[in-house]
Each structure stands twice: as structure tokens, then as C-alpha cells.
Amino acid sequence: MSATTTTAGPGGRRTTARVLGTMAVVGAAAAVAGLGTFGTFTDSTTPVGAPVQTGVVSIGLTAADGSDAVPLDFSGIVAGGSVTQLVDLVNDGDTALSDVALATRATASSLLDTDRVHGLQVTLQSCSEDWAGGFCRGEQREVVELGPVLRDLPLTDPFSLAPGATDHLAVTAVLPSSAGDQFKAQTSRLSLTFTATQRSGTAR
């Protein structure tokens, strides 16, 4: 913006040049102030290494004697009888789990698994220590209550939720005494799958 002021001095002389000169001085002062506004000092830290690695969710099933083979064989069961097999369910990852679920399927089906009332029933007991002679030497928990063999359900309060922990499982198959002659010579093959789910992540 510019302005011109013209006044008449003594003798009628104009003083326009004096006013413009004053404006120029003010503009120069503003330019000097602007230089001070944009002048800054900066500094930065040295680079800091920050490794990023995800956790591992892993659960495994082994025989109670520590071998990789898992001999779940319920052959020879009769009405009113039961067969128990021992396996270890191990949280071999480095992450805490929110739950462990069991899914049981029949890969070869028969009346043993299709009859949910008189057919095969299964329960899982967990021990914090090894089983010795059919007895739990530590804390014992029923992680799957007795019920039809084909089910999908979470284990109740298993030990293996903690990293490195193990559920020493006693898997018991029961054929109810109500199973009649139609259950003779029946054969089923079962697939048991345990699925682990990580605990919800938290800010650290």
C-alpha cells in the first residue's frame, strides 16, 4: 500500500519527497525484523537402534513319555467301560494365551460317534505334574467335562495358557452302560485338534 501526501510549505513548496522517504525507512526496519523471525538453531540425537520382533504362538501335543508319537487308542472298550490315554499339551511359544480349544471330528464314522446319548463320551482331566499310576501328583483340573465325543469347545482353565506351561492330559473315553448290542463291532476313527489363541495385546 502506498500513499502520497502533499502539503504546501512556506513559499508554496511541496514536501512530497519527505513523506516518501519516511515510508522507505519504516519498510527497511520491517525487513530487518523479518530476518530475526526466521533465524533458528537445530540439533538432533544420534540414531537409536529399535529392534521389532513379533511373539510366537505355538502349542504342541506329545506323548506323556516325551516322544513325538501320540498313541490315542481306545480299542476294546465295552458298554459301561472306559479307556484312558495320557498326552501332554505344551505351550512351547513365548506368548500368553487367552484360550485353548478342542475340536473333535470323525474321520471314519460309526454309531459310536453318531449316537450322542448312548455312544462314546469323552472327558479330559489335566494335571500340573506327571500322572503316576493313574494319579495326579500335582493340581488336577477337569478341562473338558464328560460329553459326546464330537464337540467344539474351549478347555476350562488349562495350565498351558502360560508360556512354557504344560497340561498333562488324561483323555478318557467312556461307553455308557446303556449302549446295546447294536454297538458291538463298531469302529470309529477320531481326529482331535487343539487350537491356541493369543491373549489380547496390551500397550507396553
N, C-alpha and C. Protein backbone atom coordinates (compact mmCIF):
# COMPACT_ATOMS: atom_id res chain seq x y z
N MET A 1 0.86 -1.18 0.00
CA MET A 1 0.00 0.00 0.00
C MET A 1 0.89 1.22 0.00
N SER A 2 0.52 2.25 -0.73
CA SER A 2 1.31 3.49 -0.76
C SER A 2 0.36 4.67 -0.64
N ALA A 3 0.91 5.74 -0.14
CA ALA A 3 0.12 6.96 -0.01
C ALA A 3 1.01 8.13 -0.29
N THR A 4 0.45 9.12 -0.83
CA THR A 4 1.22 10.34 -1.14
C THR A 4 0.54 11.51 -0.47
N THR A 5 1.32 12.22 0.30
CA THR A 5 0.79 13.40 0.97
C THR A 5 1.51 14.63 0.45
N THR A 6 0.74 15.53 0.06
CA THR A 6 1.33 16.76 -0.49
C THR A 6 0.86 17.93 0.35
N THR A 7 1.78 18.65 0.89
CA THR A 7 1.45 19.86 1.66
C THR A 7 2.22 21.03 1.08
N ALA A 8 1.78 22.17 1.37
CA ALA A 8 2.45 23.38 0.89
C ALA A 8 3.19 24.02 2.03
N GLY A 9 4.47 24.20 1.89
CA GLY A 9 5.27 24.85 2.92
C GLY A 9 5.37 26.33 2.65
N PRO A 10 6.29 26.90 3.35
CA PRO A 10 6.48 28.34 3.13
C PRO A 10 6.86 28.59 1.68
N GLY A 11 6.31 29.52 1.14
CA GLY A 11 6.59 29.87 -0.25
C GLY A 11 5.85 28.97 -1.22
N GLY A 12 4.97 28.08 -0.68
CA GLY A 12 4.19 27.22 -1.57
C GLY A 12 4.93 26.02 -2.08
N ARG A 13 6.09 25.54 -1.45
CA ARG A 13 6.87 24.41 -1.93
C ARG A 13 6.28 23.11 -1.40
N ARG A 14 6.19 22.11 -2.26
CA ARG A 14 5.63 20.83 -1.87
C ARG A 14 6.65 20.00 -1.10
N THR A 15 6.14 19.15 -0.19
CA THR A 15 7.04 18.31 0.64
C THR A 15 6.77 16.83 0.40
N THR A 16 6.40 16.46 -0.80
CA THR A 16 6.08 15.06 -1.13
C THR A 16 7.28 14.16 -0.93
N ALA A 17 8.44 14.52 -1.31
CA ALA A 17 9.65 13.69 -1.20
C ALA A 17 9.95 13.35 0.23
N ARG A 18 9.71 14.19 1.17
CA ARG A 18 9.99 13.93 2.60
C ARG A 18 9.10 12.81 3.11
N VAL A 19 7.83 12.77 2.76
CA VAL A 19 6.91 11.74 3.24
C VAL A 19 7.31 10.38 2.68
N LEU A 20 7.64 10.28 1.43
CA LEU A 20 8.07 9.01 0.83
C LEU A 20 9.36 8.51 1.45
N GLY A 21 10.22 9.38 1.78
CA GLY A 21 11.47 8.98 2.44
C GLY A 21 11.21 8.35 3.79
N THR A 22 10.26 8.85 4.52
CA THR A 22 9.90 8.29 5.82
C THR A 22 9.32 6.88 5.66
N MET A 23 8.50 6.65 4.68
CA MET A 23 7.93 5.33 4.40
C MET A 23 9.01 4.32 4.09
N ALA A 24 10.01 4.72 3.35
CA ALA A 24 11.11 3.83 2.99
C ALA A 24 11.87 3.38 4.22
N VAL A 25 12.08 4.22 5.16
CA VAL A 25 12.79 3.87 6.40
C VAL A 25 11.99 2.85 7.20
N VAL A 26 10.69 3.04 7.29
CA VAL A 26 9.83 2.09 8.01
C VAL A 26 9.90 0.72 7.35
N GLY A 27 9.85 0.66 6.02
CA GLY A 27 9.92 -0.62 5.31
C GLY A 27 11.23 -1.32 5.56
N ALA A 28 12.32 -0.63 5.63
CA ALA A 28 13.62 -1.23 5.91
C ALA A 28 13.66 -1.83 7.30
N ALA A 29 13.07 -1.16 8.26
CA ALA A 29 13.03 -1.68 9.63
C ALA A 29 12.22 -2.97 9.69
N ALA A 30 11.13 -3.04 8.95
CA ALA A 30 10.32 -4.26 8.92
C ALA A 30 11.10 -5.41 8.32
N ALA A 31 11.89 -5.13 7.28
CA ALA A 31 12.70 -6.18 6.66
C ALA A 31 13.73 -6.73 7.63
N VAL A 32 14.35 -5.90 8.42
CA VAL A 32 15.31 -6.35 9.43
C VAL A 32 14.64 -7.21 10.48
N ALA A 33 13.44 -6.85 10.92
CA ALA A 33 12.70 -7.64 11.91
C ALA A 33 12.37 -9.02 11.34
N GLY A 34 12.03 -9.07 10.05
CA GLY A 34 11.71 -10.35 9.43
C GLY A 34 12.89 -11.30 9.43
N LEU A 35 14.09 -10.82 9.26
CA LEU A 35 15.28 -11.68 9.31
C LEU A 35 15.41 -12.36 10.66
N GLY A 36 15.08 -11.68 11.72
CA GLY A 36 15.16 -12.27 13.05
C GLY A 36 14.13 -13.36 13.26
N THR A 37 12.97 -13.29 12.65
CA THR A 37 11.89 -14.26 12.83
C THR A 37 12.27 -15.64 12.29
N PHE A 38 13.00 -15.72 11.16
CA PHE A 38 13.29 -16.99 10.52
C PHE A 38 14.65 -17.56 10.88
N GLY A 39 15.39 -16.92 11.72
CA GLY A 39 16.68 -17.44 12.14
C GLY A 39 16.52 -18.41 13.30
N THR A 40 16.84 -19.79 13.14
CA THR A 40 16.70 -20.79 14.21
C THR A 40 17.93 -21.67 14.25
N PHE A 41 18.19 -22.26 15.44
CA PHE A 41 19.22 -23.28 15.60
C PHE A 41 18.54 -24.64 15.74
N THR A 42 19.14 -25.71 15.24
CA THR A 42 18.57 -27.06 15.36
C THR A 42 19.61 -28.03 15.89
N ASP A 43 19.13 -29.14 16.41
CA ASP A 43 20.01 -30.21 16.89
C ASP A 43 19.24 -31.53 16.80
N SER A 44 19.92 -32.65 16.76
CA SER A 44 19.27 -33.96 16.72
C SER A 44 20.10 -34.97 17.49
N THR A 45 19.44 -36.05 17.95
CA THR A 45 20.14 -37.09 18.68
C THR A 45 20.87 -38.02 17.72
N THR A 46 21.75 -38.81 18.27
CA THR A 46 22.36 -39.86 17.46
C THR A 46 21.33 -40.96 17.22
N PRO A 47 21.44 -41.73 16.13
CA PRO A 47 20.47 -42.79 15.84
C PRO A 47 20.41 -43.83 16.97
N VAL A 48 19.20 -44.24 17.31
CA VAL A 48 19.00 -45.25 18.35
C VAL A 48 18.40 -46.50 17.70
N GLY A 49 19.05 -47.64 17.87
CA GLY A 49 18.54 -48.89 17.33
C GLY A 49 17.26 -49.31 18.04
N ALA A 50 16.25 -49.75 17.29
CA ALA A 50 14.97 -50.17 17.87
C ALA A 50 14.50 -51.45 17.19
N PRO A 51 14.96 -52.60 17.67
CA PRO A 51 14.53 -53.86 17.04
C PRO A 51 13.05 -54.11 17.24
N VAL A 52 12.40 -54.70 16.25
CA VAL A 52 10.98 -55.04 16.30
C VAL A 52 10.83 -56.52 15.98
N GLN A 53 10.20 -57.24 16.88
CA GLN A 53 10.02 -58.68 16.66
C GLN A 53 8.68 -59.10 17.23
N THR A 54 7.94 -59.92 16.49
CA THR A 54 6.65 -60.40 16.97
C THR A 54 6.82 -61.61 17.87
N GLY A 55 5.81 -61.87 18.71
CA GLY A 55 5.82 -63.04 19.56
C GLY A 55 5.45 -64.29 18.79
N VAL A 56 5.62 -65.44 19.43
CA VAL A 56 5.34 -66.72 18.79
C VAL A 56 4.23 -67.42 19.56
N VAL A 57 3.13 -67.73 18.85
CA VAL A 57 2.06 -68.53 19.41
C VAL A 57 2.23 -69.96 18.90
N SER A 58 2.53 -70.88 19.81
CA SER A 58 2.78 -72.26 19.40
C SER A 58 2.33 -73.21 20.50
N ILE A 59 1.64 -74.26 20.10
CA ILE A 59 1.21 -75.26 21.06
C ILE A 59 1.40 -76.62 20.41
N GLY A 60 1.87 -77.58 21.20
CA GLY A 60 2.19 -78.89 20.65
C GLY A 60 1.63 -80.01 21.50
N LEU A 61 1.45 -81.16 20.87
CA LEU A 61 0.91 -82.34 21.54
C LEU A 61 1.93 -83.46 21.42
N THR A 62 2.32 -84.02 22.56
CA THR A 62 3.29 -85.11 22.58
C THR A 62 2.78 -86.22 23.48
N ALA A 63 3.39 -87.37 23.36
CA ALA A 63 3.06 -88.47 24.26
C ALA A 63 3.55 -88.13 25.66
N ALA A 64 2.93 -88.73 26.64
CA ALA A 64 3.29 -88.45 28.03
C ALA A 64 4.73 -88.82 28.35
N ASP A 65 5.31 -89.74 27.57
CA ASP A 65 6.70 -90.13 27.82
C ASP A 65 7.70 -89.23 27.11
N GLY A 66 7.19 -88.16 26.46
CA GLY A 66 8.07 -87.20 25.81
C GLY A 66 8.34 -87.46 24.35
N SER A 67 7.90 -88.58 23.82
CA SER A 67 8.11 -88.87 22.40
C SER A 67 7.11 -88.11 21.54
N ASP A 68 7.39 -88.03 20.23
CA ASP A 68 6.51 -87.29 19.32
C ASP A 68 5.23 -88.05 19.01
N ALA A 69 5.28 -89.36 19.13
CA ALA A 69 4.09 -90.16 18.81
C ALA A 69 3.01 -89.94 19.87
N VAL A 70 1.78 -89.84 19.42
CA VAL A 70 0.66 -89.64 20.34
C VAL A 70 -0.28 -90.84 20.20
N PRO A 71 -0.13 -91.85 21.05
CA PRO A 71 -0.92 -93.08 20.88
C PRO A 71 -2.29 -93.00 21.55
N LEU A 72 -3.23 -92.36 20.85
CA LEU A 72 -4.59 -92.34 21.38
C LEU A 72 -5.36 -93.52 20.79
N ASP A 73 -5.45 -94.60 21.53
CA ASP A 73 -6.10 -95.82 21.05
C ASP A 73 -7.11 -96.27 22.10
N PHE A 74 -8.37 -96.23 21.74
CA PHE A 74 -9.43 -96.60 22.67
C PHE A 74 -10.07 -97.94 22.29
N SER A 75 -9.29 -98.80 21.64
CA SER A 75 -9.82 -100.09 21.20
C SER A 75 -10.18 -100.97 22.39
N GLY A 76 -11.16 -101.85 22.17
CA GLY A 76 -11.54 -102.83 23.18
C GLY A 76 -12.51 -102.31 24.23
N ILE A 77 -13.03 -101.12 24.04
CA ILE A 77 -13.95 -100.57 25.02
C ILE A 77 -15.30 -101.29 24.94
N VAL A 78 -15.92 -101.52 26.09
CA VAL A 78 -17.22 -102.21 26.16
C VAL A 78 -18.23 -101.34 26.88
N ALA A 79 -19.50 -101.68 26.77
CA ALA A 79 -20.55 -100.92 27.45
C ALA A 79 -20.29 -100.86 28.95
N GLY A 80 -20.33 -99.65 29.49
CA GLY A 80 -20.07 -99.46 30.91
C GLY A 80 -18.59 -99.34 31.24
N GLY A 81 -17.73 -99.45 30.22
CA GLY A 81 -16.29 -99.39 30.44
C GLY A 81 -15.68 -98.08 29.96
N SER A 82 -14.39 -97.93 30.21
CA SER A 82 -13.68 -96.72 29.80
C SER A 82 -12.22 -97.05 29.51
N VAL A 83 -11.61 -96.22 28.72
CA VAL A 83 -10.18 -96.34 28.39
C VAL A 83 -9.58 -94.95 28.52
N THR A 84 -8.41 -94.86 29.18
CA THR A 84 -7.73 -93.57 29.39
C THR A 84 -6.37 -93.59 28.72
N GLN A 85 -6.05 -92.50 28.01
CA GLN A 85 -4.75 -92.31 27.39
C GLN A 85 -4.15 -91.00 27.90
N LEU A 86 -2.83 -90.98 28.03
CA LEU A 86 -2.13 -89.80 28.54
C LEU A 86 -1.36 -89.10 27.43
N VAL A 87 -1.54 -87.78 27.34
CA VAL A 87 -0.79 -86.94 26.40
C VAL A 87 -0.43 -85.63 27.09
N ASP A 88 0.56 -84.95 26.54
CA ASP A 88 0.97 -83.65 27.07
C ASP A 88 0.67 -82.55 26.05
N LEU A 89 0.00 -81.51 26.52
CA LEU A 89 -0.30 -80.34 25.70
C LEU A 89 0.62 -79.22 26.18
N VAL A 90 1.55 -78.79 25.32
CA VAL A 90 2.62 -77.88 25.73
C VAL A 90 2.50 -76.54 25.03
N ASN A 91 2.55 -75.46 25.79
CA ASN A 91 2.66 -74.11 25.22
C ASN A 91 4.15 -73.86 24.99
N ASP A 92 4.63 -74.18 23.78
CA ASP A 92 6.06 -74.05 23.50
C ASP A 92 6.39 -72.74 22.78
N GLY A 93 5.47 -71.78 22.83
CA GLY A 93 5.74 -70.45 22.30
C GLY A 93 6.21 -69.52 23.40
N ASP A 94 6.28 -68.22 23.09
CA ASP A 94 6.70 -67.23 24.09
C ASP A 94 5.59 -66.23 24.39
N THR A 95 4.35 -66.61 24.08
CA THR A 95 3.21 -65.70 24.21
C THR A 95 2.13 -66.32 25.09
N ALA A 96 1.57 -65.50 25.98
CA ALA A 96 0.45 -65.96 26.80
C ALA A 96 -0.78 -66.15 25.94
N LEU A 97 -1.60 -67.12 26.29
CA LEU A 97 -2.78 -67.45 25.51
C LEU A 97 -4.05 -67.00 26.23
N SER A 98 -5.09 -66.66 25.45
CA SER A 98 -6.39 -66.33 26.04
C SER A 98 -7.21 -67.59 26.22
N ASP A 99 -7.05 -68.56 25.31
CA ASP A 99 -7.78 -69.82 25.46
C ASP A 99 -7.16 -70.89 24.56
N VAL A 100 -7.48 -72.12 24.90
CA VAL A 100 -7.13 -73.28 24.08
C VAL A 100 -8.42 -74.05 23.84
N ALA A 101 -8.71 -74.34 22.58
CA ALA A 101 -9.97 -75.01 22.23
C ALA A 101 -9.70 -76.39 21.65
N LEU A 102 -10.65 -77.28 21.85
CA LEU A 102 -10.58 -78.64 21.33
C LEU A 102 -11.68 -78.84 20.29
N ALA A 103 -11.29 -79.37 19.14
CA ALA A 103 -12.26 -79.75 18.11
C ALA A 103 -12.07 -81.23 17.81
N THR A 104 -13.13 -82.00 17.91
CA THR A 104 -13.07 -83.44 17.67
C THR A 104 -13.92 -83.78 16.44
N ARG A 105 -13.32 -84.51 15.51
CA ARG A 105 -14.00 -84.90 14.28
C ARG A 105 -13.86 -86.41 14.10
N ALA A 106 -14.78 -86.98 13.34
CA ALA A 106 -14.71 -88.39 12.99
C ALA A 106 -14.23 -88.51 11.55
N THR A 107 -13.05 -89.12 11.36
CA THR A 107 -12.55 -89.34 10.00
C THR A 107 -13.11 -90.64 9.42
N ALA A 108 -13.53 -91.52 10.29
CA ALA A 108 -14.27 -92.72 9.89
C ALA A 108 -15.38 -92.88 10.92
N SER A 109 -16.62 -92.77 10.50
CA SER A 109 -17.74 -92.67 11.44
C SER A 109 -18.48 -94.00 11.63
N SER A 110 -19.12 -94.09 12.79
CA SER A 110 -19.97 -95.24 13.11
C SER A 110 -20.96 -94.81 14.17
N LEU A 111 -21.73 -95.77 14.66
CA LEU A 111 -22.71 -95.49 15.71
C LEU A 111 -22.03 -94.97 16.97
N LEU A 112 -20.76 -95.29 17.15
CA LEU A 112 -20.03 -94.83 18.33
C LEU A 112 -20.00 -93.31 18.44
N ASP A 113 -19.91 -92.62 17.31
CA ASP A 113 -19.83 -91.16 17.35
C ASP A 113 -21.11 -90.47 16.91
N THR A 114 -22.00 -91.17 16.20
CA THR A 114 -23.23 -90.52 15.74
C THR A 114 -24.33 -90.54 16.81
N ASP A 115 -24.30 -91.51 17.70
CA ASP A 115 -25.28 -91.55 18.79
C ASP A 115 -24.72 -90.75 19.96
N ARG A 116 -25.25 -89.56 20.15
CA ARG A 116 -24.69 -88.65 21.16
C ARG A 116 -25.13 -89.00 22.58
N VAL A 117 -26.11 -89.87 22.73
CA VAL A 117 -26.61 -90.25 24.06
C VAL A 117 -26.01 -91.56 24.53
N HIS A 118 -26.09 -92.58 23.70
CA HIS A 118 -25.59 -93.90 24.09
C HIS A 118 -24.22 -94.20 23.51
N GLY A 119 -23.76 -93.33 22.63
CA GLY A 119 -22.46 -93.53 22.00
C GLY A 119 -21.31 -93.07 22.89
N LEU A 120 -20.12 -93.00 22.28
CA LEU A 120 -18.89 -92.69 23.01
C LEU A 120 -18.94 -91.30 23.64
N GLN A 121 -18.54 -91.23 24.90
CA GLN A 121 -18.42 -89.97 25.65
C GLN A 121 -16.95 -89.77 26.02
N VAL A 122 -16.52 -88.51 26.09
CA VAL A 122 -15.11 -88.22 26.37
C VAL A 122 -15.00 -87.13 27.43
N THR A 123 -14.00 -87.27 28.30
CA THR A 123 -13.66 -86.24 29.28
C THR A 123 -12.15 -86.07 29.32
N LEU A 124 -11.68 -84.85 29.63
CA LEU A 124 -10.25 -84.58 29.75
C LEU A 124 -9.96 -84.01 31.13
N GLN A 125 -9.04 -84.65 31.82
CA GLN A 125 -8.54 -84.16 33.09
C GLN A 125 -7.10 -83.68 32.88
N SER A 126 -6.76 -82.55 33.50
CA SER A 126 -5.40 -82.02 33.37
C SER A 126 -4.71 -82.02 34.72
N CYS A 127 -3.42 -82.33 34.70
CA CYS A 127 -2.61 -82.32 35.92
C CYS A 127 -1.43 -81.38 35.71
N SER A 128 -1.07 -80.66 36.75
CA SER A 128 0.07 -79.74 36.66
C SER A 128 1.40 -80.49 36.66
N GLU A 129 1.38 -81.76 37.08
CA GLU A 129 2.57 -82.62 37.09
C GLU A 129 2.25 -83.90 36.33
N ASP A 130 3.25 -84.74 36.18
CA ASP A 130 3.02 -86.02 35.50
C ASP A 130 2.04 -86.89 36.28
N TRP A 131 1.30 -87.70 35.53
CA TRP A 131 0.43 -88.69 36.15
C TRP A 131 1.30 -89.88 36.57
N ALA A 132 1.04 -90.42 37.74
CA ALA A 132 1.79 -91.57 38.22
C ALA A 132 0.82 -92.65 38.67
N GLY A 133 0.79 -93.75 37.93
CA GLY A 133 -0.11 -94.84 38.29
C GLY A 133 -1.57 -94.45 38.26
N GLY A 134 -1.93 -93.54 37.36
CA GLY A 134 -3.32 -93.10 37.25
C GLY A 134 -3.70 -92.01 38.22
N PHE A 135 -2.73 -91.49 38.98
CA PHE A 135 -3.00 -90.43 39.96
C PHE A 135 -2.22 -89.17 39.59
N CYS A 136 -2.86 -88.03 39.78
CA CYS A 136 -2.21 -86.75 39.53
C CYS A 136 -1.33 -86.39 40.72
N ARG A 137 -0.07 -86.12 40.43
CA ARG A 137 0.87 -85.80 41.51
C ARG A 137 0.90 -84.30 41.83
N GLY A 138 0.08 -83.53 41.13
CA GLY A 138 0.01 -82.09 41.38
C GLY A 138 -1.42 -81.63 41.48
N GLU A 139 -1.70 -80.45 40.94
CA GLU A 139 -3.07 -79.93 40.92
C GLU A 139 -3.83 -80.53 39.75
N GLN A 140 -5.05 -81.00 39.99
CA GLN A 140 -5.86 -81.62 38.94
C GLN A 140 -7.06 -80.75 38.60
N ARG A 141 -7.32 -80.61 37.29
CA ARG A 141 -8.46 -79.83 36.82
C ARG A 141 -9.20 -80.61 35.73
N GLU A 142 -10.53 -80.50 35.71
CA GLU A 142 -11.31 -81.05 34.62
C GLU A 142 -11.43 -79.97 33.55
N VAL A 143 -10.69 -80.13 32.46
CA VAL A 143 -10.68 -79.10 31.42
C VAL A 143 -11.75 -79.34 30.36
N VAL A 144 -12.22 -80.59 30.23
CA VAL A 144 -13.36 -80.90 29.36
C VAL A 144 -14.27 -81.86 30.12
N GLU A 145 -15.50 -81.44 30.37
CA GLU A 145 -16.42 -82.29 31.11
C GLU A 145 -16.91 -83.44 30.23
N LEU A 146 -17.40 -84.48 30.87
CA LEU A 146 -17.87 -85.66 30.14
C LEU A 146 -19.03 -85.28 29.22
N GLY A 147 -18.93 -85.70 27.96
CA GLY A 147 -19.96 -85.38 26.99
C GLY A 147 -19.69 -86.10 25.68
N PRO A 148 -20.56 -85.93 24.68
CA PRO A 148 -20.40 -86.61 23.39
C PRO A 148 -19.02 -86.39 22.79
N VAL A 149 -18.51 -87.40 22.11
CA VAL A 149 -17.13 -87.35 21.64
C VAL A 149 -16.90 -86.27 20.60
N LEU A 150 -17.89 -85.97 19.75
CA LEU A 150 -17.72 -84.96 18.70
C LEU A 150 -18.21 -83.60 19.20
N ARG A 151 -17.24 -82.72 19.49
CA ARG A 151 -17.58 -81.41 20.04
C ARG A 151 -16.53 -80.37 19.65
N ASP A 152 -16.92 -79.10 19.76
CA ASP A 152 -16.01 -77.96 19.65
C ASP A 152 -16.20 -77.13 20.90
N LEU A 153 -15.17 -77.00 21.72
CA LEU A 153 -15.33 -76.24 22.95
C LEU A 153 -13.96 -75.84 23.50
N PRO A 154 -13.92 -74.73 24.25
CA PRO A 154 -12.66 -74.32 24.88
C PRO A 154 -12.37 -75.17 26.11
N LEU A 155 -11.10 -75.37 26.39
CA LEU A 155 -10.70 -76.05 27.62
C LEU A 155 -10.95 -75.10 28.79
N THR A 156 -11.40 -75.64 29.92
CA THR A 156 -11.69 -74.83 31.09
C THR A 156 -10.43 -74.66 31.93
N ASP A 157 -9.91 -73.41 31.97
CA ASP A 157 -8.77 -73.05 32.80
C ASP A 157 -7.58 -74.01 32.65
N PRO A 158 -7.07 -74.18 31.43
CA PRO A 158 -5.92 -75.06 31.25
C PRO A 158 -4.63 -74.42 31.77
N PHE A 159 -3.67 -75.26 32.13
CA PHE A 159 -2.38 -74.76 32.61
C PHE A 159 -1.57 -74.14 31.46
N SER A 160 -1.80 -74.60 30.25
CA SER A 160 -0.97 -74.22 29.10
C SER A 160 -1.22 -72.81 28.59
N LEU A 161 -2.03 -72.00 29.28
CA LEU A 161 -2.20 -70.60 28.88
C LEU A 161 -0.91 -69.81 29.07
N ALA A 162 -0.08 -70.22 30.00
CA ALA A 162 1.17 -69.52 30.28
C ALA A 162 2.28 -70.05 29.38
N PRO A 163 3.16 -69.17 28.88
CA PRO A 163 4.27 -69.64 28.04
C PRO A 163 5.13 -70.67 28.78
N GLY A 164 5.44 -71.77 28.11
CA GLY A 164 6.27 -72.80 28.69
C GLY A 164 5.54 -73.78 29.58
N ALA A 165 4.25 -73.57 29.83
CA ALA A 165 3.49 -74.44 30.73
C ALA A 165 2.92 -75.64 29.96
N THR A 166 2.58 -76.68 30.72
CA THR A 166 2.10 -77.93 30.12
C THR A 166 0.84 -78.43 30.82
N ASP A 167 -0.12 -78.88 30.02
CA ASP A 167 -1.26 -79.64 30.54
C ASP A 167 -0.94 -81.12 30.36
N HIS A 168 -0.76 -81.84 31.46
CA HIS A 168 -0.59 -83.29 31.40
C HIS A 168 -2.00 -83.87 31.38
N LEU A 169 -2.44 -84.25 30.18
CA LEU A 169 -3.84 -84.62 29.98
C LEU A 169 -4.08 -86.12 30.11
N ALA A 170 -5.16 -86.44 30.79
CA ALA A 170 -5.70 -87.80 30.80
C ALA A 170 -6.98 -87.75 29.98
N VAL A 171 -6.95 -88.35 28.78
CA VAL A 171 -8.10 -88.36 27.88
C VAL A 171 -8.84 -89.68 28.09
N THR A 172 -10.05 -89.59 28.58
CA THR A 172 -10.82 -90.80 28.92
C THR A 172 -12.04 -90.92 28.03
N ALA A 173 -12.14 -92.07 27.34
CA ALA A 173 -13.30 -92.39 26.52
C ALA A 173 -14.18 -93.36 27.30
N VAL A 174 -15.47 -93.05 27.36
CA VAL A 174 -16.44 -93.84 28.13
C VAL A 174 -17.56 -94.30 27.20
N LEU A 175 -17.87 -95.60 27.23
CA LEU A 175 -19.05 -96.09 26.51
C LEU A 175 -20.13 -96.37 27.55
N PRO A 176 -21.24 -95.60 27.51
CA PRO A 176 -22.27 -95.74 28.55
C PRO A 176 -22.80 -97.18 28.65
N SER A 177 -23.22 -97.52 29.84
CA SER A 177 -23.79 -98.86 30.06
C SER A 177 -25.09 -99.05 29.30
N SER A 178 -25.68 -97.94 28.83
CA SER A 178 -26.92 -98.02 28.05
C SER A 178 -26.67 -98.43 26.60
N ALA A 179 -25.40 -98.54 26.19
CA ALA A 179 -25.10 -98.94 24.82
C ALA A 179 -25.49 -100.41 24.63
N GLY A 180 -26.41 -100.68 23.70
CA GLY A 180 -26.92 -102.04 23.49
C GLY A 180 -26.10 -102.83 22.49
N ASP A 181 -26.65 -103.98 22.07
CA ASP A 181 -25.93 -104.88 21.18
C ASP A 181 -25.60 -104.24 19.84
N GLN A 182 -26.34 -103.21 19.46
CA GLN A 182 -26.07 -102.56 18.17
C GLN A 182 -24.70 -101.87 18.14
N PHE A 183 -24.09 -101.70 19.30
CA PHE A 183 -22.77 -101.07 19.37
C PHE A 183 -21.63 -102.07 19.23
N LYS A 184 -21.95 -103.36 19.16
CA LYS A 184 -20.90 -104.37 19.02
C LYS A 184 -20.19 -104.21 17.68
N ALA A 185 -18.86 -104.39 17.71
CA ALA A 185 -18.02 -104.39 16.50
C ALA A 185 -18.11 -103.09 15.71
N GLN A 186 -18.43 -102.00 16.37
CA GLN A 186 -18.44 -100.69 15.71
C GLN A 186 -17.03 -100.09 15.74
N THR A 187 -16.68 -99.36 14.69
CA THR A 187 -15.35 -98.75 14.62
C THR A 187 -15.46 -97.30 14.17
N SER A 188 -14.82 -96.43 14.90
CA SER A 188 -14.71 -95.02 14.51
C SER A 188 -13.24 -94.61 14.59
N ARG A 189 -12.88 -93.67 13.75
CA ARG A 189 -11.55 -93.06 13.85
C ARG A 189 -11.76 -91.56 14.11
N LEU A 190 -11.05 -91.07 15.11
CA LEU A 190 -11.26 -89.69 15.56
C LEU A 190 -10.04 -88.83 15.30
N SER A 191 -10.29 -87.55 15.08
CA SER A 191 -9.24 -86.55 14.94
C SER A 191 -9.45 -85.48 16.00
N LEU A 192 -8.46 -85.31 16.88
CA LEU A 192 -8.54 -84.30 17.93
C LEU A 192 -7.57 -83.18 17.61
N THR A 193 -8.09 -81.95 17.55
CA THR A 193 -7.26 -80.79 17.24
C THR A 193 -7.37 -79.76 18.34
N PHE A 194 -6.22 -79.32 18.88
CA PHE A 194 -6.19 -78.26 19.88
C PHE A 194 -5.73 -76.98 19.19
N THR A 195 -6.47 -75.89 19.42
CA THR A 195 -6.15 -74.60 18.81
C THR A 195 -5.92 -73.56 19.88
N ALA A 196 -4.79 -72.86 19.80
CA ALA A 196 -4.43 -71.84 20.78
C ALA A 196 -4.68 -70.45 20.21
N THR A 197 -5.18 -69.56 21.05
CA THR A 197 -5.41 -68.16 20.67
C THR A 197 -4.65 -67.26 21.61
N GLN A 198 -3.91 -66.31 21.03
CA GLN A 198 -3.10 -65.41 21.86
C GLN A 198 -3.96 -64.53 22.74
N ARG A 199 -3.38 -64.11 23.85
CA ARG A 199 -4.05 -63.13 24.70
C ARG A 199 -4.01 -61.77 24.01
N SER A 200 -5.04 -60.96 24.22
CA SER A 200 -5.12 -59.64 23.59
C SER A 200 -3.88 -58.83 23.90
N GLY A 201 -3.37 -58.14 22.89
CA GLY A 201 -2.19 -57.32 23.07
C GLY A 201 -2.47 -56.13 23.98
N THR A 202 -1.44 -55.69 24.70
CA THR A 202 -1.55 -54.52 25.58
C THR A 202 -0.42 -53.56 25.28
N ALA A 203 -0.62 -52.30 25.59
CA ALA A 203 0.43 -51.30 25.41
C ALA A 203 1.55 -51.55 26.40
N ARG A 204 2.79 -51.42 25.92
CA ARG A 204 3.95 -51.68 26.78
C ARG A 204 4.91 -50.51 26.72
